[in-house]
Amino acid sequence: MHGNVFYDPGMNLSDIEFAQIADLIHQHAVDEPTRIALIESGHRISYAELDAYMDRVASALQRDGLQPGDAIAICAASTWAYGAVFLGALRAGVVVAPLAPSSTAESLARMVQDAQAKLLFVDASVEAILGRIDLSTAQRVALDDSAGGKALSSWLAPAGQQPQAVTLVPSHPFNIIYSSGTTGDPKGIVQSHGMRWGYAKRATTYEYGPRTVTLLSTPLYSNTTLVVFFPSLVGGATVVLMPKFEARGYLQLAQTHGVTHTMLVPVQYQRLLALPDFDQFNLSSFKHKFCTSAPFNPALKGEVLKRWPGSLVEFYGMTEGGGSCILEAHLNPTKLHTVGKPAPGHDIRLIDDNGVEVALGEAGEVVGRSLVMMNGYHGQPEKTRDAEWYSPEGLRYMRTGDVGRFDADGFLTLFDRKKDMIITGGFNVYPSDLEAEMRQHPAVYDVAVVGVPSEQWGETPVAFVVRKPGDETPAAAIKDWLNERVGKTQRLAEVHFIDELPRSAIGKVLKRELRDGLAAVR
């Protein structure tokens, strides 16, 4: 029974106040059962097959006693089975906590416990860490029928079994996204069905439809991926999942499947365009390319626009929601140094260290408000309060921790995370300014600047540089070159060469690792 289906295919999604994503997938299965929903590593799953699989997942969860609002966790590579289990859980009203396979054993255990997950879905990629932790509170199911848990094929409800219908409201929790999956205490960001539906409405704005083919090579545990995965399926698209990103393999998939939409993080764009034969691939089918999660070098944006057909749209925002900005780079070639303007219906303000709004043209911490906002951090009301700012009118905004400034045209330029800003001799130094300048040096392929303790100045900037292949420019020469071009307070104390910058799975530079590594050898 699918008691909530009311979707008329002729309706504009933006006109629908609220719908359940799982119900819309069922509607696609009814309307065009043979259309392909998911492609992954040779598997092609039609909407009818996906819908039936979701029924089996939802029925199995209900058989195991899970009620709407209960949680499961998934820690595995991005496969069609992963997507089907996620969607099947939603059909049962069960909350999904997608976790990073790169998590340490201890962090994985904390997140499963924090989510109060009744089941943990795994695959062979995490088998090695499962034996080192106590996960007795969560039954384990192996998506790939590996030894990590009960085989998914035997756990599923019988084919043809339908779950009991559940009725959900917009405030009902949809998923829990963890912001700290490798180190530190986990913060579970609870996103609601209403919040996800707000993202799903982008299906109309960005032309997702039955002829759309979306290629996703970022992991399904990341909000970066999910903000495209769900609108694609809501629009009736075909989603091609790439469990592990590899540049040439990505381009081959894009060409083979005639991909129209994709989400990539900046470092992926960089690696793709660096391939000597990039321009030999036929990418003429692309309509929309998206980017989010990490700073996007303006020069790289320009190169994407020049060499890759279709639009380029950058989203700036947080998994917690609040205010988002959108830069349609193809329409604003003089604004590539910005992250765009606030999205429709989003209110973004800038505040100082005392929580007071700054004057127009001044820099401040970015706070935002919209209909797309998290319920809060799971079980952590104090951290939720720390993430909130209330306007003089009493309206709730989410704090980003980013420092930015609006220009006269209303475009937002970001400087840095507040925690990454360097205070040297009482002056604020933004690492992003130094990184942007250093990228102009012919030897520099990639760079990150961090602040390290200094007895004389409190903090001082240090750069970690990845040189271009074959380059032998000495560190001192790069340091002197940069220091001649910046203000006295911005000058680098040191330049260190590194083979590759440490990054998260979604491309964010892990600056804490750079700082900690340098401190360990001093």
Protein backbone atom coordinates (compact mmCIF):
# COMPACT_ATOMS: atom_id res chain seq x y z
CA MET A 1 0.00 0.00 0.00
CA HIS A 2 1.26 3.45 -0.91
CA GLY A 3 -1.28 5.57 0.86
CA ASN A 4 0.35 8.95 0.27
CA VAL A 5 0.58 8.97 -3.52
CA PHE A 6 -1.21 11.96 -4.97
CA TYR A 7 1.36 13.23 -7.42
CA ASP A 8 0.05 14.20 -10.86
CA PRO A 9 2.87 13.94 -13.43
CA GLY A 10 1.53 17.08 -15.09
CA MET A 11 2.01 19.16 -11.95
CA ASN A 12 4.94 21.48 -11.40
CA LEU A 13 6.93 20.20 -8.44
CA SER A 14 7.45 23.73 -7.16
CA ASP A 15 3.67 24.00 -6.71
CA ILE A 16 3.52 20.95 -4.42
CA GLU A 17 3.82 22.04 -0.80
CA PHE A 18 5.02 18.62 0.39
CA ALA A 19 5.35 15.10 -0.93
CA GLN A 20 7.24 11.98 0.08
CA ILE A 21 10.13 11.13 -2.20
CA ALA A 22 9.47 7.38 -1.86
CA ASP A 23 5.92 7.93 -3.11
CA LEU A 24 7.07 9.76 -6.22
CA ILE A 25 9.39 6.88 -7.10
CA HIS A 26 6.38 4.55 -6.88
CA GLN A 27 4.49 6.88 -9.21
CA HIS A 28 7.32 6.70 -11.76
CA ALA A 29 7.22 2.90 -11.46
CA VAL A 30 3.51 2.96 -12.28
CA ASP A 31 3.83 5.44 -15.15
CA GLU A 32 6.99 4.09 -16.82
CA PRO A 33 8.00 0.82 -15.14
CA THR A 34 10.81 -0.07 -17.57
CA ARG A 35 12.62 3.27 -17.38
CA ILE A 36 16.06 2.79 -15.80
CA ALA A 37 16.42 4.38 -12.35
CA LEU A 38 19.90 3.26 -11.26
CA ILE A 39 23.03 2.13 -13.09
CA GLU A 40 26.10 0.92 -11.22
CA SER A 41 28.97 -1.36 -12.23
CA GLY A 42 26.95 -3.12 -14.91
CA HIS A 43 23.69 -3.27 -12.91
CA ARG A 44 20.67 -1.57 -14.50
CA ILE A 45 17.67 -1.22 -12.18
CA SER A 46 14.33 -0.07 -13.61
CA TYR A 47 11.87 2.07 -11.67
CA ALA A 48 9.58 -0.93 -11.29
CA GLU A 49 12.45 -3.05 -9.92
CA LEU A 50 13.57 -0.25 -7.60
CA ASP A 51 10.03 0.27 -6.32
CA ALA A 52 9.59 -3.47 -5.65
CA TYR A 53 12.97 -3.61 -3.90
CA MET A 54 12.01 -0.64 -1.72
CA ASP A 55 8.85 -2.53 -0.72
CA ARG A 56 10.94 -5.52 0.34
CA VAL A 57 13.28 -3.32 2.39
CA ALA A 58 10.44 -1.45 4.07
CA SER A 59 8.60 -4.72 4.81
CA ALA A 60 11.74 -6.26 6.32
CA LEU A 61 12.28 -3.25 8.56
CA GLN A 62 8.68 -3.41 9.75
CA ARG A 63 9.04 -7.16 10.30
CA ASP A 64 12.05 -6.42 12.50
CA GLY A 65 9.97 -4.07 14.61
CA LEU A 66 11.21 -0.71 13.36
CA GLN A 67 8.70 2.10 13.66
CA PRO A 68 8.61 5.49 11.92
CA GLY A 69 11.30 7.62 13.57
CA ASP A 70 13.57 4.66 14.37
CA ALA A 71 16.97 4.71 12.69
CA ILE A 72 19.24 2.52 10.61
CA ALA A 73 22.84 3.23 9.62
CA ILE A 74 24.59 2.48 6.31
CA CYS A 75 28.38 2.33 6.08
CA ALA A 76 29.37 1.11 2.62
CA ALA A 77 30.44 2.07 -0.88
CA SER A 78 27.89 3.81 -3.12
CA THR A 79 26.09 1.00 -4.95
CA TRP A 80 22.62 0.51 -6.33
CA ALA A 81 21.79 -1.68 -3.30
CA TYR A 82 22.87 1.16 -0.97
CA GLY A 83 20.50 3.53 -2.76
CA ALA A 84 17.64 1.04 -2.72
CA VAL A 85 18.00 0.35 1.02
CA PHE A 86 18.12 4.09 1.76
CA LEU A 87 14.96 4.66 -0.25
CA GLY A 88 13.21 1.60 1.17
CA ALA A 89 13.85 2.82 4.70
CA LEU A 90 12.23 6.15 3.82
CA ARG A 91 9.15 4.27 2.62
CA ALA A 92 8.83 2.78 6.12
CA GLY A 93 9.36 6.18 7.76
CA VAL A 94 12.70 4.96 9.09
CA VAL A 95 15.50 7.51 9.51
CA VAL A 96 18.78 6.80 7.68
CA ALA A 97 22.23 7.64 9.05
CA PRO A 98 24.69 7.27 6.14
CA LEU A 99 28.23 6.92 7.54
CA ALA A 100 31.66 7.25 5.96
CA PRO A 101 33.53 3.96 5.34
CA SER A 102 36.72 5.93 6.04
CA SER A 103 35.66 6.39 9.68
CA THR A 104 37.86 5.01 12.41
CA ALA A 105 36.45 2.04 14.31
CA GLU A 106 35.88 4.19 17.39
CA SER A 107 34.15 6.96 15.45
CA LEU A 108 31.92 4.47 13.63
CA ALA A 109 30.85 2.95 16.94
CA ARG A 110 30.07 6.40 18.38
CA MET A 111 27.97 7.40 15.38
CA VAL A 112 25.98 4.14 15.34
CA GLN A 113 25.33 4.57 19.05
CA ASP A 114 24.49 8.26 18.73
CA ALA A 115 21.96 7.55 15.96
CA GLN A 116 20.48 4.71 18.05
CA ALA A 117 20.54 2.67 14.88
CA LYS A 118 18.69 -0.64 15.12
CA LEU A 119 20.46 -2.07 12.05
CA LEU A 120 23.81 -1.35 10.42
CA PHE A 121 24.17 -2.06 6.69
CA VAL A 122 27.78 -2.68 5.65
CA ASP A 123 29.89 -4.16 2.86
CA ALA A 124 33.35 -5.63 2.43
CA SER A 125 34.97 -2.18 2.48
CA VAL A 126 34.44 -1.88 6.26
CA GLU A 127 34.90 -5.51 7.30
CA ALA A 128 38.35 -4.80 8.73
CA ILE A 129 37.11 -2.34 11.35
CA LEU A 130 33.92 -4.18 12.35
CA GLY A 131 35.79 -6.76 14.40
CA ARG A 132 37.46 -4.11 16.54
CA ILE A 133 34.33 -2.52 17.97
CA ASP A 134 31.24 -3.51 19.90
CA LEU A 135 28.17 -3.01 17.73
CA SER A 136 26.00 -5.50 19.57
CA THR A 137 23.13 -3.00 19.74
CA ALA A 138 22.74 -2.99 15.95
CA GLN A 139 22.07 -6.04 13.80
CA ARG A 140 24.50 -6.08 10.85
CA VAL A 141 23.36 -6.73 7.28
CA ALA A 142 25.85 -7.07 4.42
CA LEU A 143 24.72 -5.24 1.28
CA ASP A 144 27.09 -7.32 -0.84
CA ASP A 145 26.41 -10.60 1.02
CA SER A 146 29.98 -10.42 2.42
CA ALA A 147 31.02 -11.72 5.83
CA GLY A 148 30.33 -8.43 7.63
CA GLY A 149 26.77 -9.36 8.54
CA LYS A 150 23.68 -11.27 7.56
CA ALA A 151 23.36 -11.45 3.78
CA LEU A 152 21.03 -8.79 2.40
CA SER A 153 19.50 -11.38 0.05
CA SER A 154 18.32 -13.47 3.01
CA TRP A 155 17.36 -10.45 5.18
CA LEU A 156 14.98 -8.94 2.63
CA ALA A 157 11.26 -9.63 2.82
CA PRO A 158 9.92 -11.98 0.13
CA ALA A 159 9.40 -10.61 -3.35
CA GLY A 160 5.94 -9.13 -3.80
CA GLN A 161 5.43 -8.29 -0.12
CA GLN A 162 4.17 -4.79 0.49
CA PRO A 163 4.81 -2.75 3.64
CA GLN A 164 2.20 -1.10 5.78
CA ALA A 165 1.64 2.46 4.61
CA VAL A 166 2.99 5.22 6.85
CA THR A 167 1.92 8.86 6.86
CA LEU A 168 4.67 11.38 7.44
CA VAL A 169 4.65 15.13 8.02
CA PRO A 170 7.33 17.63 6.91
CA SER A 171 8.93 17.78 10.38
CA HIS A 172 9.48 14.01 10.49
CA PRO A 173 13.22 13.17 10.43
CA PHE A 174 14.49 11.96 7.06
CA ASN A 175 18.20 11.33 7.66
CA ILE A 176 21.05 12.06 10.07
CA ILE A 177 24.22 13.35 8.38
CA TYR A 178 27.34 13.26 10.53
CA SER A 179 29.69 16.21 10.26
CA SER A 180 32.62 14.47 11.95
CA GLY A 181 33.15 10.99 10.57
CA THR A 182 36.92 10.60 11.00
CA THR A 183 37.99 12.43 14.14
CA GLY A 184 36.41 14.25 17.04
CA ASP A 185 32.95 13.92 18.52
CA PRO A 186 30.26 13.25 15.92
CA LYS A 187 27.51 15.80 15.35
CA GLY A 188 24.44 14.24 13.78
CA ILE A 189 22.61 16.77 11.61
CA VAL A 190 18.93 15.82 11.59
CA GLN A 191 17.31 16.77 8.29
CA SER A 192 13.56 16.50 7.93
CA HIS A 193 11.34 15.26 5.12
CA GLY A 194 10.29 18.87 4.60
CA MET A 195 13.91 19.96 4.26
CA ARG A 196 14.64 17.24 1.71
CA TRP A 197 11.49 18.12 -0.21
CA GLY A 198 12.77 21.70 -0.40
CA TYR A 199 15.90 20.40 -2.14
CA ALA A 200 13.86 18.05 -4.33
CA LYS A 201 11.99 21.00 -5.80
CA ARG A 202 15.22 21.91 -7.58
CA ALA A 203 14.19 19.17 -10.01
CA THR A 204 12.10 21.80 -11.77
CA THR A 205 14.72 24.56 -11.72
CA TYR A 206 17.51 22.46 -13.20
CA GLU A 207 15.56 20.45 -15.78
CA TYR A 208 15.63 17.03 -14.12
CA GLY A 209 13.25 14.78 -15.99
CA PRO A 210 12.76 11.39 -17.65
CA ARG A 211 15.51 12.12 -20.20
CA THR A 212 18.01 13.22 -17.55
CA VAL A 213 21.07 11.07 -16.89
CA THR A 214 22.87 12.05 -13.69
CA LEU A 215 26.41 10.83 -12.94
CA LEU A 216 27.42 10.81 -9.26
CA SER A 217 30.93 9.92 -8.15
CA THR A 218 30.85 11.48 -4.67
CA PRO A 219 29.71 9.19 -1.82
CA LEU A 220 26.09 8.66 -0.84
CA TYR A 221 26.86 9.41 2.81
CA SER A 222 27.55 13.03 1.83
CA ASN A 223 24.93 15.74 1.55
CA THR A 224 26.89 16.90 -1.50
CA THR A 225 25.65 13.81 -3.33
CA LEU A 226 22.18 13.62 -1.86
CA VAL A 227 21.19 17.15 -2.96
CA VAL A 228 21.42 15.84 -6.55
CA PHE A 229 20.55 12.16 -6.01
CA PHE A 230 17.04 12.79 -4.68
CA PRO A 231 15.97 15.54 -7.14
CA SER A 232 17.15 13.29 -9.98
CA LEU A 233 14.88 10.44 -8.87
CA VAL A 234 12.01 12.79 -8.10
CA GLY A 235 12.25 13.97 -11.70
CA GLY A 236 12.26 10.40 -13.03
CA ALA A 237 15.90 10.52 -14.14
CA THR A 238 18.47 7.75 -14.53
CA VAL A 239 21.23 7.96 -11.91
CA VAL A 240 24.63 6.47 -12.70
CA LEU A 241 26.55 5.69 -9.50
CA MET A 242 30.35 5.51 -9.54
CA PRO A 243 31.44 3.83 -6.27
CA LYS A 244 34.99 5.22 -6.48
CA PHE A 245 36.01 8.29 -8.48
CA GLU A 246 38.70 7.89 -11.11
CA ALA A 247 39.09 10.70 -13.62
CA ARG A 248 39.31 8.81 -16.91
CA GLY A 249 36.70 6.28 -15.80
CA TYR A 250 34.36 9.17 -14.99
CA LEU A 251 34.73 10.63 -18.49
CA GLN A 252 34.18 7.23 -20.07
CA LEU A 253 30.94 6.79 -18.13
CA ALA A 254 29.83 10.31 -19.04
CA GLN A 255 30.42 9.66 -22.74
CA THR A 256 28.91 6.16 -22.75
CA HIS A 257 25.68 7.11 -20.98
CA GLY A 258 25.18 10.56 -22.50
CA VAL A 259 25.24 12.20 -19.07
CA THR A 260 23.31 15.46 -18.72
CA HIS A 261 23.76 16.33 -15.02
CA THR A 262 26.52 15.82 -12.48
CA MET A 263 27.77 16.93 -9.08
CA LEU A 264 31.52 17.22 -8.57
CA VAL A 265 33.71 18.85 -5.93
CA PRO A 266 36.47 21.27 -7.01
CA VAL A 267 39.36 18.82 -6.75
CA GLN A 268 37.51 16.46 -9.10
CA TYR A 269 37.09 19.20 -11.69
CA GLN A 270 40.80 19.92 -11.31
CA ARG A 271 41.80 16.28 -11.85
CA LEU A 272 39.47 15.84 -14.82
CA LEU A 273 40.68 18.92 -16.66
CA ALA A 274 44.31 17.97 -15.98
CA LEU A 275 43.96 14.79 -18.07
CA PRO A 276 45.93 15.22 -21.32
CA ASP A 277 43.07 13.72 -23.36
CA PHE A 278 40.17 15.47 -21.58
CA ASP A 279 39.19 17.34 -24.74
CA GLN A 280 38.99 14.08 -26.69
CA PHE A 281 35.88 12.93 -24.82
CA ASN A 282 32.43 13.77 -26.16
CA LEU A 283 30.70 15.69 -23.36
CA SER A 284 28.19 17.50 -25.57
CA SER A 285 25.21 15.88 -23.76
CA PHE A 286 25.84 17.87 -20.55
CA LYS A 287 23.18 20.40 -19.53
CA HIS A 288 24.07 21.19 -15.91
CA LYS A 289 27.22 20.67 -13.85
CA PHE A 290 27.09 21.39 -10.13
CA CYS A 291 29.72 22.01 -7.49
CA THR A 292 29.74 22.48 -3.72
CA SER A 293 31.55 21.48 -0.48
CA ALA A 294 34.90 23.26 -0.89
CA PRO A 295 36.36 26.53 -2.21
CA PHE A 296 36.25 26.62 -6.01
CA ASN A 297 39.21 28.43 -7.58
CA PRO A 298 37.91 31.17 -9.97
CA ALA A 299 40.50 30.25 -12.61
CA LEU A 300 39.32 26.64 -12.49
CA LYS A 301 35.71 27.76 -12.89
CA GLY A 302 36.77 29.69 -15.97
CA GLU A 303 38.51 26.66 -17.43
CA VAL A 304 35.43 24.49 -16.86
CA LEU A 305 33.27 27.06 -18.65
CA LYS A 306 35.70 27.19 -21.56
CA ARG A 307 36.25 23.47 -22.08
CA TRP A 308 33.12 21.66 -20.84
CA PRO A 309 29.66 22.12 -22.42
CA GLY A 310 26.62 22.98 -20.32
CA SER A 311 26.00 25.30 -17.40
CA LEU A 312 28.16 25.48 -14.26
CA VAL A 313 26.24 26.05 -11.02
CA GLU A 314 27.98 26.44 -7.66
CA PHE A 315 25.99 25.94 -4.46
CA TYR A 316 27.22 27.45 -1.21
CA GLY A 317 25.59 26.36 2.01
CA MET A 318 25.74 23.92 4.88
CA THR A 319 24.40 20.46 5.52
CA GLU A 320 22.62 22.11 8.46
CA GLY A 321 20.72 24.25 5.98
CA GLY A 322 19.86 27.87 6.58
CA GLY A 323 20.94 30.24 3.86
CA SER A 324 22.35 29.10 0.54
CA CYS A 325 23.91 31.05 -2.30
CA ILE A 326 23.87 30.03 -5.94
CA LEU A 327 26.37 31.15 -8.57
CA GLU A 328 25.29 30.46 -12.14
CA ALA A 329 28.84 30.85 -13.38
CA HIS A 330 27.93 30.62 -17.07
CA LEU A 331 25.69 33.68 -16.69
CA ASN A 332 28.05 35.68 -14.47
CA PRO A 333 31.59 35.37 -15.88
CA THR A 334 32.77 38.48 -13.98
CA LYS A 335 31.67 37.03 -10.62
CA LEU A 336 33.66 33.79 -10.58
CA HIS A 337 35.45 34.93 -7.40
CA THR A 338 32.11 34.84 -5.56
CA VAL A 339 29.68 32.11 -4.50
CA GLY A 340 26.76 33.95 -6.03
CA LYS A 341 23.60 35.51 -4.64
CA PRO A 342 21.24 34.18 -1.95
CA ALA A 343 18.91 31.51 -3.34
CA PRO A 344 15.25 32.50 -3.77
CA GLY A 345 13.55 32.58 -0.37
CA HIS A 346 16.87 32.55 1.50
CA ASP A 347 17.86 35.40 3.82
CA ILE A 348 21.60 35.76 4.45
CA ARG A 349 23.12 38.24 6.84
CA LEU A 350 26.63 38.98 8.13
CA ILE A 351 27.38 39.42 11.84
CA ASP A 352 30.39 40.43 13.92
CA ASP A 353 31.93 38.61 16.89
CA ASN A 354 29.27 40.09 19.16
CA GLY A 355 26.40 38.82 17.04
CA VAL A 356 25.57 42.28 15.64
CA GLU A 357 24.95 42.75 11.93
CA VAL A 358 27.80 44.52 10.15
CA ALA A 359 27.41 47.51 7.86
CA LEU A 360 27.04 47.06 4.11
CA GLY A 361 30.40 46.34 2.52
CA GLU A 362 31.99 45.03 5.73
CA ALA A 363 33.05 41.44 6.35
CA GLY A 364 31.31 39.26 8.88
CA GLU A 365 30.26 35.71 9.73
CA VAL A 366 27.65 34.36 7.34
CA VAL A 367 24.31 33.39 8.90
CA GLY A 368 21.29 32.21 6.95
CA ARG A 369 17.62 31.41 7.17
CA SER A 370 15.21 29.60 4.83
CA LEU A 371 12.56 26.92 4.81
CA VAL A 372 15.41 24.41 4.38
CA MET A 373 16.91 24.10 7.89
CA MET A 374 17.93 21.18 10.07
CA ASN A 375 15.83 20.14 13.03
CA GLY A 376 19.02 20.23 15.12
CA TYR A 377 22.00 18.11 16.11
CA HIS A 378 20.80 14.69 17.22
CA GLY A 379 20.65 14.53 21.01
CA GLN A 380 22.87 17.61 21.41
CA PRO A 381 20.70 20.64 22.23
CA GLU A 382 23.66 22.71 23.45
CA LYS A 383 25.54 22.30 20.17
CA THR A 384 22.31 23.09 18.33
CA ARG A 385 22.01 26.36 20.25
CA ASP A 386 25.65 27.18 19.47
CA ALA A 387 24.88 26.81 15.76
CA GLU A 388 21.95 29.23 15.89
CA TRP A 389 21.72 33.00 15.71
CA TYR A 390 18.51 34.89 16.37
CA SER A 391 17.81 38.18 14.66
CA PRO A 392 16.48 41.21 16.54
CA GLU A 393 13.07 40.15 15.20
CA GLY A 394 13.49 36.76 16.90
CA LEU A 395 13.96 34.75 13.71
CA ARG A 396 16.20 31.66 13.74
CA TYR A 397 19.29 31.59 11.51
CA MET A 398 22.06 29.02 11.13
CA ARG A 399 25.66 30.12 11.73
CA THR A 400 28.11 28.95 9.07
CA GLY A 401 31.44 29.76 10.68
CA ASP A 402 32.46 31.31 7.34
CA VAL A 403 33.58 34.91 6.91
CA GLY A 404 32.34 36.77 3.85
CA ARG A 405 31.34 40.10 2.34
CA PHE A 406 28.61 41.16 -0.11
CA ASP A 407 29.56 43.31 -3.06
CA ALA A 408 27.46 46.15 -4.47
CA ASP A 409 25.63 43.71 -6.76
CA GLY A 410 24.62 41.39 -3.92
CA PHE A 411 27.15 38.63 -4.68
CA LEU A 412 28.84 37.00 -1.69
CA THR A 413 32.62 36.67 -1.57
CA LEU A 414 33.94 34.20 1.00
CA PHE A 415 37.25 34.61 2.79
CA ASP A 416 37.73 31.72 5.18
CA ARG A 417 36.38 29.65 8.01
CA LYS A 418 36.57 31.71 11.21
CA LYS A 419 38.59 28.92 12.79
CA ASP A 420 41.11 29.01 9.91
CA MET A 421 41.62 32.78 10.00
CA ILE A 422 45.16 33.65 11.16
CA ILE A 423 45.63 36.43 13.72
CA THR A 424 49.22 37.59 13.46
CA GLY A 425 50.45 40.60 15.43
CA GLY A 426 46.82 41.56 16.03
CA PHE A 427 45.95 41.58 12.31
CA ASN A 428 43.50 39.24 10.59
CA VAL A 429 45.03 37.27 7.71
CA TYR A 430 42.80 35.19 5.45
CA PRO A 431 44.55 32.04 4.16
CA SER A 432 42.36 32.09 1.04
CA ASP A 433 43.91 35.40 -0.03
CA LEU A 434 47.40 33.91 0.16
CA GLU A 435 46.32 30.68 -1.54
CA ALA A 436 44.76 32.59 -4.43
CA GLU A 437 47.95 34.58 -4.92
CA MET A 438 50.20 31.53 -4.68
CA ARG A 439 48.23 29.73 -7.39
CA GLN A 440 49.53 32.36 -9.80
CA HIS A 441 53.07 31.00 -9.38
CA PRO A 442 53.97 28.74 -12.34
CA ALA A 443 55.32 26.01 -10.04
CA VAL A 444 52.23 25.70 -7.82
CA TYR A 445 49.67 23.00 -8.64
CA ASP A 446 47.86 23.09 -5.29
CA VAL A 447 48.34 24.92 -2.00
CA ALA A 448 46.96 25.29 1.52
CA VAL A 449 47.94 27.94 4.06
CA VAL A 450 47.54 27.42 7.80
CA GLY A 451 48.41 29.40 10.90
CA VAL A 452 50.98 27.99 13.31
CA PRO A 453 51.97 29.28 16.78
CA SER A 454 54.59 32.03 16.90
CA GLU A 455 56.16 33.47 20.04
CA GLN A 456 56.67 36.81 18.32
CA TRP A 457 53.37 37.21 16.47
CA GLY A 458 50.96 34.81 18.16
CA GLU A 459 50.38 33.04 14.84
CA THR A 460 52.18 33.10 11.51
CA PRO A 461 51.23 31.77 8.05
CA VAL A 462 52.83 28.60 6.70
CA ALA A 463 52.14 27.20 3.21
CA PHE A 464 51.97 23.58 2.06
CA VAL A 465 52.58 23.39 -1.67
CA VAL A 466 52.05 20.66 -4.24
CA ARG A 467 54.40 21.43 -7.13
CA LYS A 468 53.50 20.76 -10.73
CA PRO A 469 54.93 17.49 -12.08
CA GLY A 470 58.63 17.77 -12.87
CA ASP A 471 59.04 21.21 -11.31
CA GLU A 472 62.07 21.73 -9.06
CA THR A 473 61.59 25.31 -7.88
CA PRO A 474 62.98 25.55 -4.32
CA ALA A 475 60.69 26.37 -1.43
CA ALA A 476 62.62 29.54 -0.57
CA ALA A 477 62.06 30.93 -4.07
CA ILE A 478 58.28 30.39 -3.86
CA LYS A 479 58.20 31.96 -0.39
CA ASP A 480 60.16 35.02 -1.53
CA TRP A 481 57.98 35.37 -4.63
CA LEU A 482 54.82 35.40 -2.53
CA ASN A 483 56.18 37.69 0.18
CA GLU A 484 57.08 40.33 -2.38
CA ARG A 485 53.44 40.48 -3.47
CA VAL A 486 51.57 40.65 -0.15
CA GLY A 487 51.37 42.95 2.83
CA LYS A 488 53.88 42.71 5.65
CA THR A 489 51.45 40.98 8.01
CA GLN A 490 50.60 38.39 5.33
CA ARG A 491 54.12 37.18 4.68
CA LEU A 492 54.79 33.46 4.89
CA ALA A 493 57.15 32.13 7.53
CA GLU A 494 57.70 28.82 5.75
CA VAL A 495 56.87 26.84 2.61
CA HIS A 496 56.72 23.05 2.81
CA PHE A 497 56.38 20.74 -0.16
CA ILE A 498 53.86 17.92 0.04
CA ASP A 499 52.92 15.23 -2.51
CA GLU A 500 49.18 15.69 -2.01
CA LEU A 501 47.02 17.79 0.29
CA PRO A 502 45.01 15.71 2.77
CA ARG A 503 41.35 15.89 1.82
CA SER A 504 38.05 14.46 2.95
CA ALA A 505 36.05 12.26 0.59
CA ILE A 506 34.22 15.35 -0.66
CA GLY A 507 37.35 17.35 -1.35
CA LYS A 508 37.73 19.56 1.72
CA VAL A 509 41.37 20.20 2.68
CA LEU A 510 41.96 18.83 6.19
CA LYS A 511 43.96 21.76 7.53
CA ARG A 512 44.02 20.37 11.03
CA GLU A 513 46.06 17.42 9.76
CA LEU A 514 48.57 19.82 8.23
CA ARG A 515 48.87 21.80 11.46
CA ASP A 516 49.12 18.68 13.61
CA GLY A 517 51.71 17.09 11.32
CA LEU A 518 53.89 20.19 11.44
CA ALA A 519 53.59 20.44 15.21
CA ALA A 520 54.65 16.79 15.58
CA VAL A 521 58.02 17.35 13.89
CA ARG A 522 58.89 20.57 15.72
